Amino acid sequence: MDTTSLWRATARGPCFGMLKGDEQCDVLVIGGGITGVTTALLLAEQGRKVVLLEADEIGSGTTGNSTGNLYMTTSQGLSSVASSWDDGVAREAMLARKSAVDFIEQRCRDLPGAAFTRCAMYRGARFATDQPSVEQEHQTLARLGAPVRMEEGWPGGLPPPSGRVMVLADQAQFQPQAYVTGLARLAAKAGASVHEHSRVLELDAKQRIATTSGGTVKAGEIVMATHSPKGVHIVHAEMPVHREYAVAFEVGAVDPGPGIFWWKGEEGLSIRILVHEGKRYLVAAGSEHKVGTHNAKAALMAVEAMANSHLSPGPLVHRWSAQNYRSHDGLPYIGRDHSGCFIATGFATDGLTWGTVAARGIAAELAGQKDAFIERCSPRRFTPMKGAKALVEENVTTLKTLVQGYLTGGQHEHLANLAPGDSAIVEADGETFAAYRAPDGELFAVSPVCTHMGCKVRWNSVETSWDCPCHGSRFRPDGTVIEGPAVAPLKRRTTELR
């Protein structure tokens, strides 16, 4: 199944070359999403020698598979931040996010393809049981001084909400892929050395050396803008990992116009419009699902079915998904962690804005400037009671997944029995393999043990990948790493396959 997002399909990439040879720099930035590219640009503008390494293509990770929405609140609501912390911290978060949106708007003036538009955010409940959360978020934002109000409905023929709708004025949306590729070009113009298809295969955090297939980078500082930091970090034990599925249609009967529309609920939708070269597209994103423990194809089809049922769209043109990591206490992790490197993670589904907050904060810290909110987001913070329930649930889930993976045996079928397009955990010659036969008949068999911390991987039929349910590492059928904290690939069987 083609999973190219609408954003990546409608924005040309910058086409930077691979790293070839050895380089030295002041700061190495690993990751070419909005966090990494913004960091590289700001540091280059400071006059620092910067190298950016992207494993695939600029924006090919979460940035280019997002919804392109920008807002001062969060997907879980600032009411949850106020509940875990207090109104003062929630206001700090709101102002940091608002400043990040303003920063993006300013940068978009030099990037016309980014299609930045100011608009309102609408949050309504699908069922009456979801209405209290809408009311609570309105009350919290009003206390914090946000431009928020309640209305009886929303525009454009969208499905009627179960109660009043919260309207948050002066938010924004843009074309995230066009934005991040534009920033990458600006970073290179400012002096940064930007490399695509340069996956870090080994990282020595102590010596500040990163190794790729084409060379090495020796740096004074390292920024891991990889969505989840590479290797083993304490924050991995604090972050549930989820995937969110999205679809894009040509606009049909329902066209709400500019706006961020959240139909909240266990099976809710996030809805927006993109206008590109005179065509109008309707984007719908669904609920989150725990990585490695759900049926990916069923989750994607559920979003498509809901959109068809309630939005009367035109032809379906794109399907895709994105991964997110949620912190245990509502705030992201930004700053230097116990490895000595800078990390930026725990953004939940708010990474476009949090990523910009992180980039600006890290660049400021490297320039010797202190920011109280960024210091509050330190990965070294110890706040177990602020998210105790989520923290316990996540570690219990990880432990259960780890144990079940080793207690559950293989499917006792021969590798030769796999039909084209099929996958299975199989046993052969006394060993267990994660096996997949491609549509052309080629058979791939790899170790089912994630190289990060030893959990058993599960098959994702939408992305054709092996996903780890513990900390979100993902691997291609041949075992190479797609994303996640894992650095080493799944070991591939090299003996004769049967």
Protein backbone atom coordinates (compact mmCIF):
# COMPACT_ATOMS: atom_id res chain seq x y z
CA MET A 1 0.00 0.00 0.00
CA ASP A 2 1.34 3.43 -0.93
CA THR A 3 1.63 5.50 2.26
CA THR A 4 2.97 8.75 0.81
CA SER A 5 1.36 11.64 2.65
CA LEU A 6 -0.43 14.51 0.95
CA TRP A 7 2.29 16.86 2.20
CA ARG A 8 5.17 14.88 0.73
CA ALA A 9 3.31 14.34 -2.53
CA THR A 10 2.75 18.07 -3.05
CA ALA A 11 6.16 19.44 -2.00
CA ARG A 12 9.46 18.84 -3.76
CA GLY A 13 12.36 17.66 -1.60
CA PRO A 14 15.66 19.54 -1.37
CA CYS A 15 17.82 16.59 -2.57
CA PHE A 16 20.95 16.87 -0.41
CA GLY A 17 23.79 14.39 -0.89
CA MET A 18 24.97 11.62 1.44
CA LEU A 19 27.78 12.13 3.93
CA LYS A 20 31.01 11.02 2.26
CA GLY A 21 34.18 11.10 4.29
CA ASP A 22 34.93 12.48 7.72
CA GLU A 23 33.81 15.85 9.03
CA GLN A 24 34.30 17.88 12.19
CA CYS A 25 31.87 20.48 13.48
CA ASP A 26 30.76 22.50 16.46
CA VAL A 27 27.32 20.85 16.58
CA LEU A 28 26.02 17.65 15.00
CA VAL A 29 22.25 17.56 14.54
CA ILE A 30 20.80 14.08 13.96
CA GLY A 31 17.36 14.16 12.33
CA GLY A 32 15.91 16.17 9.46
CA GLY A 33 12.42 16.91 10.73
CA ILE A 34 11.18 20.28 11.93
CA THR A 35 13.17 20.04 15.19
CA GLY A 36 16.49 19.19 13.60
CA VAL A 37 16.26 21.48 10.61
CA THR A 38 15.16 24.47 12.72
CA THR A 39 18.00 23.79 15.16
CA ALA A 40 20.55 23.56 12.33
CA LEU A 41 19.31 26.81 10.79
CA LEU A 42 19.41 28.76 14.05
CA LEU A 43 22.88 27.48 14.95
CA ALA A 44 24.22 28.23 11.47
CA GLU A 45 22.83 31.73 11.78
CA GLN A 46 24.78 32.03 15.04
CA GLY A 47 27.93 31.37 13.01
CA ARG A 48 28.50 27.83 14.27
CA LYS A 49 29.78 25.01 12.08
CA VAL A 50 26.85 22.60 11.88
CA VAL A 51 26.39 19.18 10.30
CA LEU A 52 22.88 17.72 9.94
CA LEU A 53 22.43 14.00 9.24
CA GLU A 54 19.07 12.68 8.05
CA ALA A 55 18.61 8.91 7.73
CA ASP A 56 16.18 9.16 4.83
CA GLU A 57 14.97 12.44 3.29
CA ILE A 58 14.27 15.81 4.89
CA GLY A 59 10.78 15.70 6.41
CA SER A 60 10.26 11.99 5.69
CA GLY A 61 9.54 11.19 9.33
CA THR A 62 6.81 12.62 11.50
CA THR A 63 7.01 16.17 10.11
CA GLY A 64 6.03 15.15 6.59
CA ASN A 65 3.38 12.78 7.94
CA SER A 66 1.69 15.19 10.35
CA THR A 67 -1.53 17.19 9.94
CA GLY A 68 0.16 20.56 9.46
CA ASN A 69 -1.78 22.18 12.31
CA LEU A 70 -0.28 24.74 14.70
CA TYR A 71 -1.88 25.80 17.98
CA MET A 72 -1.09 27.21 21.41
CA THR A 73 -2.91 24.45 23.27
CA THR A 74 -2.02 20.74 23.01
CA SER A 75 -3.81 17.72 21.56
CA GLN A 76 -4.52 16.46 25.07
CA GLY A 77 -5.50 19.96 26.17
CA LEU A 78 -3.75 22.44 28.40
CA SER A 79 -6.29 21.43 31.03
CA SER A 80 -4.27 18.20 31.41
CA VAL A 81 -1.05 20.21 31.88
CA ALA A 82 -2.76 22.42 34.48
CA SER A 83 -4.05 19.31 36.23
CA SER A 84 -0.60 17.67 36.38
CA TRP A 85 1.24 20.90 37.21
CA ASP A 86 -0.70 24.13 37.78
CA ASP A 87 -2.07 27.09 35.84
CA GLY A 88 1.30 28.86 35.97
CA VAL A 89 3.09 26.05 34.16
CA ALA A 90 0.19 25.63 31.73
CA ARG A 91 0.47 29.34 30.89
CA GLU A 92 4.22 28.98 30.33
CA ALA A 93 3.54 26.12 27.93
CA MET A 94 0.85 28.11 26.12
CA LEU A 95 3.08 31.16 25.69
CA ALA A 96 6.02 29.04 24.49
CA ARG A 97 3.81 27.37 21.91
CA LYS A 98 2.27 30.69 20.82
CA SER A 99 5.75 32.14 20.34
CA ALA A 100 6.73 29.10 18.25
CA VAL A 101 3.71 29.57 15.96
CA ASP A 102 4.64 33.25 15.55
CA PHE A 103 8.22 32.18 14.70
CA ILE A 104 6.94 29.78 12.02
CA GLU A 105 4.76 32.52 10.56
CA GLN A 106 7.75 34.85 10.34
CA ARG A 107 9.91 32.22 8.62
CA CYS A 108 7.11 31.38 6.19
CA ARG A 109 7.34 34.89 4.73
CA ASP A 110 10.45 33.69 2.89
CA LEU A 111 8.82 30.35 1.98
CA PRO A 112 5.70 30.98 -0.13
CA GLY A 113 5.12 27.26 -0.74
CA ALA A 114 4.62 26.71 3.00
CA ALA A 115 1.07 28.10 2.68
CA PHE A 116 0.86 29.50 6.21
CA THR A 117 -2.70 30.54 7.12
CA ARG A 118 -4.11 31.93 10.34
CA CYS A 119 -7.34 30.24 11.35
CA ALA A 120 -9.43 29.20 14.33
CA MET A 121 -9.29 25.87 16.09
CA TYR A 122 -12.65 24.21 16.79
CA ARG A 123 -12.99 21.47 19.40
CA GLY A 124 -16.31 19.66 19.65
CA ALA A 125 -17.47 16.39 21.21
CA ARG A 126 -18.68 13.45 19.18
CA PHE A 127 -20.75 12.04 22.06
CA ALA A 128 -22.26 13.64 25.16
CA THR A 129 -19.78 11.77 27.34
CA ASP A 130 -16.94 13.72 25.66
CA GLN A 131 -18.53 17.14 26.22
CA PRO A 132 -17.14 17.72 29.75
CA SER A 133 -13.57 17.61 28.42
CA VAL A 134 -14.46 20.30 25.86
CA GLU A 135 -15.97 22.49 28.58
CA GLN A 136 -13.00 21.91 30.88
CA GLU A 137 -10.51 22.92 28.17
CA HIS A 138 -12.51 26.09 27.48
CA GLN A 139 -12.48 27.02 31.16
CA THR A 140 -8.73 26.38 31.44
CA LEU A 141 -7.83 28.38 28.34
CA ALA A 142 -10.07 31.24 29.49
CA ARG A 143 -8.25 31.33 32.85
CA LEU A 144 -4.91 31.37 31.03
CA GLY A 145 -5.94 34.38 28.94
CA ALA A 146 -6.30 32.64 25.57
CA PRO A 147 -8.66 34.06 22.87
CA VAL A 148 -11.27 31.35 23.41
CA ARG A 149 -15.06 31.25 23.27
CA MET A 150 -17.94 28.77 23.00
CA GLU A 151 -20.31 28.55 20.04
CA GLU A 152 -23.35 26.43 19.22
CA GLY A 153 -21.83 24.70 16.19
CA TRP A 154 -19.15 24.82 13.53
CA PRO A 155 -19.09 25.78 9.84
CA GLY A 156 -19.01 23.94 6.57
CA GLY A 157 -21.45 21.07 6.99
CA LEU A 158 -19.30 19.08 9.40
CA PRO A 159 -20.99 16.41 11.54
CA PRO A 160 -23.00 18.10 14.30
CA PRO A 161 -21.30 18.03 17.72
CA SER A 162 -23.07 16.73 20.81
CA GLY A 163 -22.90 20.12 22.52
CA ARG A 164 -21.33 23.52 22.32
CA VAL A 165 -18.06 23.90 20.42
CA MET A 166 -14.92 25.52 21.79
CA VAL A 167 -13.37 28.04 19.37
CA LEU A 168 -9.76 29.11 19.88
CA ALA A 169 -8.99 32.09 17.65
CA ASP A 170 -5.74 33.00 15.86
CA GLN A 171 -4.20 29.55 15.48
CA ALA A 172 -2.64 28.39 12.20
CA GLN A 173 -1.98 25.69 9.64
CA PHE A 174 0.61 25.26 6.90
CA GLN A 175 2.23 22.80 4.49
CA PRO A 176 4.79 21.12 6.82
CA GLN A 177 6.84 19.38 4.12
CA ALA A 178 7.25 22.56 2.07
CA TYR A 179 8.20 24.43 5.24
CA VAL A 180 10.87 22.00 6.46
CA THR A 181 12.47 21.57 3.03
CA GLY A 182 12.52 25.34 2.66
CA LEU A 183 14.21 25.71 6.06
CA ALA A 184 16.77 23.06 5.10
CA ARG A 185 17.74 25.10 2.04
CA LEU A 186 18.05 28.21 4.22
CA ALA A 187 20.20 26.28 6.70
CA ALA A 188 22.53 25.15 3.91
CA LYS A 189 22.68 28.71 2.57
CA ALA A 190 23.63 29.87 6.09
CA GLY A 191 26.56 27.43 6.11
CA ALA A 192 25.18 24.19 7.57
CA SER A 193 26.37 20.93 5.99
CA VAL A 194 23.15 18.99 5.35
CA HIS A 195 23.17 15.31 4.35
CA GLU A 196 20.27 13.01 3.44
CA HIS A 197 20.37 9.19 3.30
CA SER A 198 23.00 9.29 6.03
CA ARG A 199 21.72 7.06 8.80
CA VAL A 200 23.75 7.01 12.02
CA LEU A 201 24.86 3.40 12.49
CA GLU A 202 27.01 3.97 15.56
CA LEU A 203 26.91 6.81 18.07
CA ASP A 204 29.59 7.36 20.67
CA ALA A 205 27.97 9.98 22.91
CA LYS A 206 31.01 10.25 25.16
CA GLN A 207 33.46 10.92 22.34
CA ARG A 208 30.82 12.82 20.31
CA ILE A 209 31.38 10.72 17.19
CA ALA A 210 28.65 9.53 14.81
CA THR A 211 29.33 6.92 12.14
CA THR A 212 27.35 6.42 8.94
CA SER A 213 27.92 4.10 5.99
CA GLY A 214 29.68 6.96 4.21
CA GLY A 215 31.83 8.51 6.92
CA THR A 216 32.01 9.95 10.41
CA VAL A 217 31.26 13.22 12.16
CA LYS A 218 33.20 14.43 15.18
CA ALA A 219 31.32 17.16 17.03
CA GLY A 220 31.64 19.38 20.07
CA GLU A 221 27.94 18.92 20.83
CA ILE A 222 25.27 16.50 19.59
CA VAL A 223 21.56 17.23 19.24
CA MET A 224 19.39 14.13 18.78
CA ALA A 225 16.35 15.50 16.96
CA THR A 226 15.22 11.98 16.11
CA HIS A 227 11.75 12.06 17.68
CA SER A 228 12.94 9.39 20.11
CA PRO A 229 16.62 9.52 21.15
CA LYS A 230 18.91 6.86 19.73
CA GLY A 231 20.18 4.22 22.14
CA VAL A 232 19.00 3.60 25.70
CA HIS A 233 17.74 6.63 27.63
CA ILE A 234 15.76 7.01 30.84
CA VAL A 235 12.94 8.83 29.03
CA HIS A 236 12.13 5.67 27.06
CA ALA A 237 10.61 4.20 30.22
CA GLU A 238 8.35 7.27 30.55
CA MET A 239 6.85 7.52 27.06
CA PRO A 240 3.93 5.55 25.58
CA VAL A 241 4.34 5.22 21.80
CA HIS A 242 1.39 5.51 19.41
CA ARG A 243 0.59 5.66 15.70
CA GLU A 244 -2.06 7.90 14.20
CA TYR A 245 -3.58 7.26 10.76
CA ALA A 246 -4.67 9.86 8.22
CA VAL A 247 -6.32 10.02 4.81
CA ALA A 248 -6.74 12.75 2.20
CA PHE A 249 -9.57 13.11 -0.30
CA GLU A 250 -10.45 15.57 -2.98
CA VAL A 251 -13.05 17.85 -1.42
CA GLY A 252 -16.62 16.71 -1.93
CA ALA A 253 -19.88 17.92 -0.39
CA VAL A 254 -18.27 19.04 2.89
CA ASP A 255 -15.83 21.95 2.72
CA PRO A 256 -15.44 23.74 6.06
CA GLY A 257 -12.75 26.11 4.76
CA PRO A 258 -9.74 27.27 6.82
CA GLY A 259 -9.72 25.88 10.33
CA ILE A 260 -8.60 23.09 12.61
CA PHE A 261 -11.62 20.94 13.40
CA TRP A 262 -11.36 18.35 16.17
CA TRP A 263 -14.29 16.02 16.57
CA LYS A 264 -13.17 14.63 19.92
CA GLY A 265 -13.95 11.14 21.14
CA GLU A 266 -12.54 7.64 21.38
CA GLU A 267 -13.11 7.32 17.63
CA GLY A 268 -12.83 10.98 16.70
CA LEU A 269 -11.42 12.86 13.73
CA SER A 270 -9.13 15.81 13.13
CA ILE A 271 -10.22 17.59 9.96
CA ARG A 272 -8.65 20.31 7.79
CA ILE A 273 -8.43 21.56 4.20
CA LEU A 274 -5.34 22.03 1.99
CA VAL A 275 -5.43 24.09 -1.19
CA HIS A 276 -2.67 23.18 -3.65
CA GLU A 277 -2.42 24.41 -7.26
CA GLY A 278 -6.11 25.20 -7.35
CA LYS A 279 -7.23 21.83 -5.95
CA ARG A 280 -8.87 21.46 -2.57
CA TYR A 281 -8.11 18.45 -0.39
CA LEU A 282 -9.82 17.28 2.79
CA VAL A 283 -7.51 15.71 5.39
CA ALA A 284 -8.89 13.50 8.18
CA ALA A 285 -6.77 11.97 10.93
CA GLY A 286 -8.11 9.45 13.42
CA SER A 287 -7.46 8.22 16.93
CA GLU A 288 -4.14 6.99 18.29
CA HIS A 289 -3.17 3.32 18.63
CA LYS A 290 -0.41 1.71 20.70
CA VAL A 291 2.45 0.71 18.43
CA GLY A 292 2.75 -3.02 17.77
CA THR A 293 -0.45 -4.02 19.54
CA HIS A 294 -3.11 -3.04 17.00
CA ASN A 295 -4.26 -4.04 13.53
CA ALA A 296 -2.76 -1.28 11.40
CA LYS A 297 -4.88 -1.93 8.32
CA ALA A 298 -8.09 -2.00 10.37
CA ALA A 299 -7.13 1.27 12.09
CA LEU A 300 -6.49 2.97 8.77
CA MET A 301 -9.68 1.63 7.20
CA ALA A 302 -11.67 2.85 10.22
CA VAL A 303 -10.51 6.42 9.60
CA GLU A 304 -11.35 6.11 5.92
CA ALA A 305 -14.80 4.69 6.70
CA MET A 306 -15.62 7.45 9.21
CA ALA A 307 -14.54 10.14 6.76
CA ASN A 308 -16.63 8.62 3.96
CA SER A 309 -19.63 8.24 6.23
CA HIS A 310 -19.66 11.70 7.78
CA LEU A 311 -17.83 14.02 5.37
CA SER A 312 -19.08 12.92 1.91
CA PRO A 313 -15.65 13.44 0.33
CA GLY A 314 -14.49 13.05 -3.25
CA PRO A 315 -11.97 10.42 -4.39
CA LEU A 316 -9.40 9.14 -1.89
CA VAL A 317 -5.90 10.24 -2.93
CA HIS A 318 -3.54 9.52 -0.01
CA ARG A 319 -3.20 7.33 3.08
CA TRP A 320 -0.44 7.61 5.68
CA SER A 321 0.43 7.44 9.37
CA ALA A 322 2.81 8.96 11.89
CA GLN A 323 4.31 7.93 15.20
CA ASN A 324 4.31 9.91 18.42
CA TYR A 325 5.86 9.65 21.88
CA ARG A 326 3.97 11.13 24.83
CA SER A 327 5.65 12.24 28.04
CA HIS A 328 4.27 11.08 31.37
CA ASP A 329 3.55 14.55 32.78
CA GLY A 330 2.28 16.62 29.84
CA LEU A 331 5.50 18.52 29.07
CA PRO A 332 8.06 17.52 26.43
CA TYR A 333 11.63 16.51 27.17
CA ILE A 334 14.00 19.20 25.89
CA GLY A 335 17.66 19.67 26.79
CA ARG A 336 20.77 17.77 27.78
CA ASP A 337 20.04 14.34 29.23
CA HIS A 338 22.21 11.83 31.11
CA SER A 339 24.05 10.88 27.90
CA GLY A 340 25.46 14.40 27.68
CA CYS A 341 23.68 14.97 24.37
CA PHE A 342 20.72 17.24 23.75
CA ILE A 343 17.44 15.44 23.10
CA ALA A 344 13.97 16.61 22.12
CA THR A 345 11.10 14.15 22.50
CA GLY A 346 7.78 13.48 24.25
CA PHE A 347 5.84 15.78 21.91
CA ALA A 348 2.72 13.55 21.59
CA THR A 349 0.86 14.67 18.43
CA ASP A 350 2.00 18.27 18.89
CA GLY A 351 5.47 17.93 17.38
CA LEU A 352 5.35 20.73 14.82
CA THR A 353 4.96 23.33 17.54
CA TRP A 354 6.89 21.57 20.32
CA GLY A 355 9.68 20.80 17.85
CA THR A 356 10.01 24.50 17.10
CA VAL A 357 9.97 25.31 20.83
CA ALA A 358 12.72 22.72 21.34
CA ALA A 359 14.91 23.97 18.50
CA ARG A 360 14.75 27.56 19.70
CA GLY A 361 15.43 26.52 23.29
CA ILE A 362 18.43 24.32 22.43
CA ALA A 363 19.90 26.98 20.14
CA ALA A 364 19.48 29.58 22.89
CA GLU A 365 21.12 27.34 25.50
CA LEU A 366 24.10 26.70 23.24
CA ALA A 367 24.39 30.48 22.89
CA GLY A 368 24.54 30.79 26.69
CA GLN A 369 20.97 32.02 27.14
CA LYS A 370 18.71 30.53 29.78
CA ASP A 371 15.00 29.90 29.38
CA ALA A 372 12.98 29.00 32.48
CA PHE A 373 10.40 26.97 30.57
CA ILE A 374 13.03 24.97 28.66
CA GLU A 375 14.77 24.26 31.98
CA ARG A 376 11.43 22.97 33.31
CA CYS A 377 11.31 20.58 30.35
CA SER A 378 14.71 19.09 31.19
CA PRO A 379 14.94 15.33 30.43
CA ARG A 380 16.63 15.01 33.83
CA ARG A 381 13.57 16.20 35.72
CA PHE A 382 12.11 13.79 38.25
CA THR A 383 8.31 14.18 38.46
CA PRO A 384 6.92 10.66 38.92
CA MET A 385 3.86 11.80 40.87
CA LYS A 386 2.73 14.20 38.12
CA GLY A 387 2.08 11.33 35.78
CA ALA A 388 2.21 8.35 38.09
CA LYS A 389 -0.74 6.49 36.58
CA ALA A 390 0.49 6.84 33.01
CA LEU A 391 4.02 5.93 34.07
CA VAL A 392 2.95 2.76 35.86
CA GLU A 393 0.61 1.73 33.02
CA GLU A 394 3.31 2.19 30.40
CA ASN A 395 5.91 0.14 32.25
CA VAL A 396 3.40 -2.61 33.05
CA THR A 397 2.44 -2.73 29.37
CA THR A 398 6.09 -2.92 28.33
CA LEU A 399 6.82 -5.70 30.83
CA LYS A 400 3.75 -7.70 29.76
CA THR A 401 4.68 -7.30 26.10
CA LEU A 402 8.24 -8.40 26.78
CA VAL A 403 7.18 -11.47 28.75
CA GLN A 404 4.37 -12.48 26.38
CA GLY A 405 6.70 -12.22 23.43
CA TYR A 406 8.93 -14.90 24.89
CA LEU A 407 6.13 -17.11 26.22
CA THR A 408 4.32 -17.19 22.89
CA GLY A 409 5.83 -19.72 20.54
CA GLY A 410 6.16 -19.53 16.76
CA GLN A 411 3.39 -20.51 14.40
CA HIS A 412 5.08 -23.82 13.50
CA GLU A 413 4.73 -23.32 9.77
CA HIS A 414 7.43 -23.61 7.14
CA LEU A 415 8.88 -20.50 5.58
CA ALA A 416 8.03 -21.98 2.20
CA ASN A 417 4.31 -21.87 3.09
CA LEU A 418 4.23 -18.07 3.21
CA ALA A 419 2.27 -16.70 0.26
CA PRO A 420 3.27 -13.40 -1.43
CA GLY A 421 2.29 -10.52 0.85
CA ASP A 422 2.07 -12.73 3.96
CA SER A 423 4.04 -12.36 7.18
CA ALA A 424 4.41 -14.53 10.28
CA ILE A 425 6.55 -15.37 13.26
CA VAL A 426 7.70 -18.84 12.26
CA GLU A 427 9.97 -21.59 13.55
CA ALA A 428 12.57 -23.26 11.37
CA ASP A 429 15.50 -25.51 12.33
CA GLY A 430 14.90 -24.79 16.01
CA GLU A 431 15.00 -21.01 15.53
CA THR A 432 12.27 -18.38 15.47
CA PHE A 433 12.10 -15.83 12.67
CA ALA A 434 10.05 -12.81 11.70
CA ALA A 435 9.31 -13.69 8.10
CA TYR A 436 7.73 -11.82 5.19
CA ARG A 437 7.32 -12.78 1.54
CA ALA A 438 7.19 -9.80 -0.80
CA PRO A 439 4.63 -9.64 -3.64
CA ASP A 440 7.40 -10.59 -6.09
CA GLY A 441 8.08 -13.77 -4.10
CA GLU A 442 11.30 -12.71 -2.34
CA LEU A 443 11.44 -14.10 1.18
CA PHE A 444 12.83 -12.09 4.10
CA ALA A 445 13.56 -13.75 7.45
CA VAL A 446 15.03 -11.79 10.35
CA SER A 447 15.37 -12.08 14.10
CA PRO A 448 12.11 -11.11 15.86
CA VAL A 449 14.05 -9.58 18.77
CA CYS A 450 14.26 -5.78 18.76
CA THR A 451 17.88 -4.67 19.01
CA HIS A 452 16.99 -1.83 21.37
CA MET A 453 15.96 -3.66 24.55
CA GLY A 454 14.97 -7.14 23.46
CA CYS A 455 11.18 -7.02 22.97
CA LYS A 456 9.56 -9.10 20.23
CA VAL A 457 8.50 -7.18 17.12
CA ARG A 458 5.02 -7.29 15.53
CA TRP A 459 4.00 -6.95 11.87
CA ASN A 460 2.55 -3.69 10.51
CA SER A 461 0.67 -4.51 7.30
CA VAL A 462 0.15 -0.87 6.30
CA GLU A 463 3.79 0.25 6.38
CA THR A 464 5.14 -3.27 5.67
CA SER A 465 7.35 -3.12 8.73
CA TRP A 466 8.20 -4.93 11.93
CA ASP A 467 7.29 -2.66 14.87
CA CYS A 468 8.43 -2.96 18.47
CA PRO A 469 5.55 -2.49 20.96
CA CYS A 470 7.87 -1.55 23.83
CA HIS A 471 9.62 1.63 22.68
CA GLY A 472 8.52 2.11 19.08
CA SER A 473 11.51 1.00 17.01
CA ARG A 474 10.50 0.03 13.47
CA PHE A 475 12.30 -2.13 10.92
CA ARG A 476 11.94 -2.94 7.22
CA PRO A 477 11.34 -6.56 6.15
CA ASP A 478 15.10 -6.98 5.61
CA GLY A 479 15.73 -5.82 9.19
CA THR A 480 17.12 -2.34 8.51
CA VAL A 481 16.02 0.37 10.94
CA ILE A 482 13.23 2.74 9.88
CA GLU A 483 12.86 4.73 13.07
CA GLY A 484 12.93 4.54 16.82
CA PRO A 485 15.60 4.27 19.47
CA ALA A 486 17.13 1.13 17.93
CA VAL A 487 20.38 1.74 16.04
CA ALA A 488 21.31 -1.81 14.98
CA PRO A 489 19.19 -3.72 12.41
CA LEU A 490 17.36 -6.96 13.07
CA LYS A 491 19.75 -9.81 12.27
CA ARG A 492 18.91 -11.33 8.91
CA ARG A 493 19.08 -15.09 8.27
CA THR A 494 21.84 -15.70 5.79
CA THR A 495 21.60 -19.51 5.48
CA GLU A 496 19.40 -21.20 2.89
CA LEU A 497 15.72 -20.37 3.36
CA ARG A 498 13.03 -23.01 2.93
